Each structure stands twice: as structure tokens, then as C-alpha cells.
Amino acid sequence: MKKSALRLLLAVSMLLLPRGPAWVCADEVTGVVVTPLTSTTTTASGQRIEVPAHPEVVVSLFELAPGVALPVHKHPYPRYGFVLSGTLEVTVMGGKTYRYKTGDFMAEVIDQWHMGKNVGATPVRLLVIDQVAPGHSNTIIRP
């Protein structure tokens, strides 16, 4: 596994795993470096993140070609994204526009219509993590 992928996996695990007495600090393990990317309790628009009871965690890799725009959609459950490459612009309908570039983390808005677009000259690659009620989808396309 590449070093960058291992670092990403460690960082993502920090977001998803509960911390308690059994949590091992990276500085206690020789050869492991953990670089915190973010810590948040709110989405990009300031909404409090509330996870469904006993969530199913779904991890996906998205790739958007240059110029490609996603349809207007919303997420009923928390969705987190890490930009592996490229530049993504996310516009909340009737609200703000956010720009994310390689190395940025995003806690997407919950239950708000929005769209994303690759505004760069290279593909956008995203690691996307959803926390949903088991068996449910986390994307609703606006009719």
C-alpha cells in the first residue's frame, strides 16, 4: 500500500473510530505519523452532524472528468469527502459556493439541495464516506 493511501486510511479511521482507553496514539508507535486533517461537528454550511443509530458506513471512490457537473441532489445522512485530486466546486441552491482542492476534506451539507462540478483541467477524484441507516441510499436527485 502506498504511503499516501496508508496516511489517508489512518486519517479516515480517526474520524470513524470511537476514542477510548484502547485508542493508540500514533506517537506511541514507531514509524507511524498521523497528520490530522480536520475535526468538526458541523457540515460546510454549519449544520450539526447527527449520525443515524447503528449506521452502515459506505466508502466510495468518485471520479469526475474536467467540466462534469453532478445533478442537483441532497443527502439525508452525513457524507464526508476527501479530495484526492482536482478542484471541485459545490454550490448550495440559494446559498453559498464552496471550492475544494487536492488534500481538502469536506463535511457535505445534509438535506440541502446542492450540486458539484469539476472546475479544473484534471479529473476530480474523491474518497467519499457515507454514514447511513442500513440499506438506505444517501443521494436523492432533485426531480
Protein backbone atom coordinates (compact mmCIF):
# COMPACT_ATOMS: atom_id res chain seq x y z
CA MET A 1 0.00 0.00 0.00
CA LYS A 2 1.37 3.43 -0.90
CA LYS A 3 2.37 5.74 1.96
CA SER A 4 -0.21 8.37 0.95
CA ALA A 5 -3.00 5.76 0.91
CA LEU A 6 -1.92 4.47 4.33
CA ARG A 7 -1.92 8.01 5.73
CA LEU A 8 -5.38 8.62 4.29
CA LEU A 9 -6.67 5.35 5.77
CA LEU A 10 -5.29 6.29 9.18
CA ALA A 11 -6.81 9.77 8.96
CA VAL A 12 -10.22 8.40 7.93
CA SER A 13 -10.11 5.84 10.72
CA MET A 14 -9.56 8.69 13.18
CA LEU A 15 -12.89 10.15 12.03
CA LEU A 16 -14.86 6.92 12.26
CA LEU A 17 -13.46 5.01 15.22
CA PRO A 18 -14.51 5.80 18.78
CA ARG A 19 -11.77 7.04 21.05
CA GLY A 20 -11.41 5.47 24.44
CA PRO A 21 -8.87 3.79 26.66
CA ALA A 22 -7.92 1.36 23.87
CA TRP A 23 -7.09 4.14 21.37
CA VAL A 24 -3.41 4.01 20.47
CA CYS A 25 -1.73 7.36 19.90
CA ALA A 26 0.42 7.46 16.78
CA ASP A 27 3.35 8.91 18.71
CA GLU A 28 3.38 5.68 20.75
CA VAL A 29 4.05 3.57 17.64
CA THR A 30 7.44 3.87 15.96
CA GLY A 31 7.27 4.60 12.24
CA VAL A 32 3.68 5.86 12.21
CA VAL A 33 2.89 9.52 11.52
CA VAL A 34 -0.71 10.70 11.72
CA THR A 35 -1.47 14.14 10.36
CA PRO A 36 -4.92 15.32 11.46
CA LEU A 37 -6.84 16.76 8.51
CA THR A 38 -9.84 18.19 10.32
CA SER A 39 -12.07 17.87 13.32
CA THR A 40 -15.65 19.09 13.03
CA THR A 41 -19.12 18.64 14.46
CA THR A 42 -20.78 20.63 11.67
CA THR A 43 -21.22 20.48 7.90
CA ALA A 44 -19.82 23.07 5.47
CA SER A 45 -22.97 25.18 6.00
CA GLY A 46 -22.82 24.91 9.80
CA GLN A 47 -25.40 22.16 10.35
CA ARG A 48 -24.81 19.86 13.32
CA ILE A 49 -23.73 16.39 12.15
CA GLU A 50 -26.05 13.72 13.53
CA VAL A 51 -25.30 10.10 12.70
CA PRO A 52 -28.13 7.54 12.48
CA ALA A 53 -28.21 4.93 15.22
CA HIS A 54 -26.09 1.91 14.26
CA PRO A 55 -25.06 3.38 10.88
CA GLU A 56 -23.84 1.49 7.87
CA VAL A 57 -20.57 3.02 6.66
CA VAL A 58 -20.27 3.11 2.87
CA VAL A 59 -16.94 4.14 1.29
CA SER A 60 -16.78 5.04 -2.42
CA LEU A 61 -14.33 6.46 -4.90
CA PHE A 62 -15.78 9.10 -7.25
CA GLU A 63 -14.11 10.41 -10.40
CA LEU A 64 -15.41 13.42 -12.34
CA ALA A 65 -13.89 14.34 -15.69
CA PRO A 66 -13.00 18.01 -16.32
CA GLY A 67 -16.14 20.11 -16.79
CA VAL A 68 -18.51 17.42 -15.50
CA ALA A 69 -21.30 18.59 -13.18
CA LEU A 70 -23.35 16.37 -10.89
CA PRO A 71 -27.12 16.87 -10.96
CA VAL A 72 -28.76 18.84 -8.16
CA HIS A 73 -29.17 16.45 -5.26
CA LYS A 74 -29.24 16.17 -1.46
CA HIS A 75 -28.08 13.76 1.21
CA PRO A 76 -30.39 12.69 4.06
CA TYR A 77 -27.43 11.37 6.08
CA PRO A 78 -23.88 12.58 6.78
CA ARG A 79 -21.45 12.43 3.85
CA TYR A 80 -17.75 13.21 4.06
CA GLY A 81 -15.36 13.68 1.17
CA PHE A 82 -11.61 13.86 0.79
CA VAL A 83 -10.28 15.34 -2.46
CA LEU A 84 -7.56 13.03 -3.77
CA SER A 85 -7.00 15.17 -6.88
CA GLY A 86 -8.51 18.06 -8.79
CA THR A 87 -10.72 21.02 -7.90
CA LEU A 88 -14.40 20.62 -7.01
CA GLU A 89 -16.89 23.43 -6.65
CA VAL A 90 -20.01 22.71 -4.58
CA THR A 91 -22.95 25.12 -4.80
CA VAL A 92 -25.82 25.01 -2.31
CA MET A 93 -29.00 26.11 -4.06
CA GLY A 94 -29.94 29.54 -2.72
CA GLY A 95 -26.77 29.58 -0.63
CA LYS A 96 -23.00 29.60 -0.79
CA THR A 97 -20.48 28.07 -3.16
CA TYR A 98 -17.52 26.16 -1.73
CA ARG A 99 -14.32 25.24 -3.56
CA TYR A 100 -12.29 22.17 -2.58
CA LYS A 101 -8.87 21.21 -3.96
CA THR A 102 -6.47 18.29 -3.61
CA GLY A 103 -5.99 17.46 0.08
CA ASP A 104 -9.19 19.17 1.28
CA PHE A 105 -11.77 17.48 3.48
CA MET A 106 -15.47 18.29 3.29
CA ALA A 107 -18.44 17.51 5.51
CA GLU A 108 -21.24 17.90 2.97
CA VAL A 109 -24.50 19.67 3.71
CA ILE A 110 -27.33 17.47 4.96
CA ASP A 111 -30.80 17.59 3.40
CA GLN A 112 -30.00 20.72 1.35
CA TRP A 113 -30.16 20.77 -2.45
CA HIS A 114 -26.71 21.27 -3.94
CA MET A 115 -24.55 20.34 -6.93
CA GLY A 116 -20.89 19.70 -7.54
CA LYS A 117 -18.77 20.49 -10.58
CA ASN A 118 -15.19 19.78 -11.65
CA VAL A 119 -13.89 23.29 -12.34
CA GLY A 120 -10.32 22.24 -13.14
CA ALA A 121 -8.43 20.84 -16.11
CA THR A 122 -7.78 17.45 -14.48
CA PRO A 123 -10.13 14.75 -13.14
CA VAL A 124 -11.53 15.20 -9.64
CA ARG A 125 -11.02 12.06 -7.56
CA LEU A 126 -12.91 11.90 -4.26
CA LEU A 127 -12.88 9.41 -1.42
CA VAL A 128 -16.48 9.59 -0.16
CA ILE A 129 -17.69 8.19 3.15
CA ASP A 130 -21.41 7.92 3.96
CA GLN A 131 -22.96 7.08 7.31
CA VAL A 132 -26.49 5.89 6.54
CA ALA A 133 -29.31 3.91 8.08
CA PRO A 134 -28.53 0.33 7.00
CA GLY A 135 -29.76 -0.42 3.49
CA HIS A 136 -30.55 3.22 2.62
CA SER A 137 -29.13 5.39 -0.14
CA ASN A 138 -27.56 8.73 0.71
CA THR A 139 -28.34 10.54 -2.52
CA ILE A 140 -31.67 11.93 -3.67
CA ILE A 141 -31.68 13.52 -7.15
CA ARG A 142 -33.94 16.57 -7.49
CA PRO A 143 -36.83 15.80 -9.86
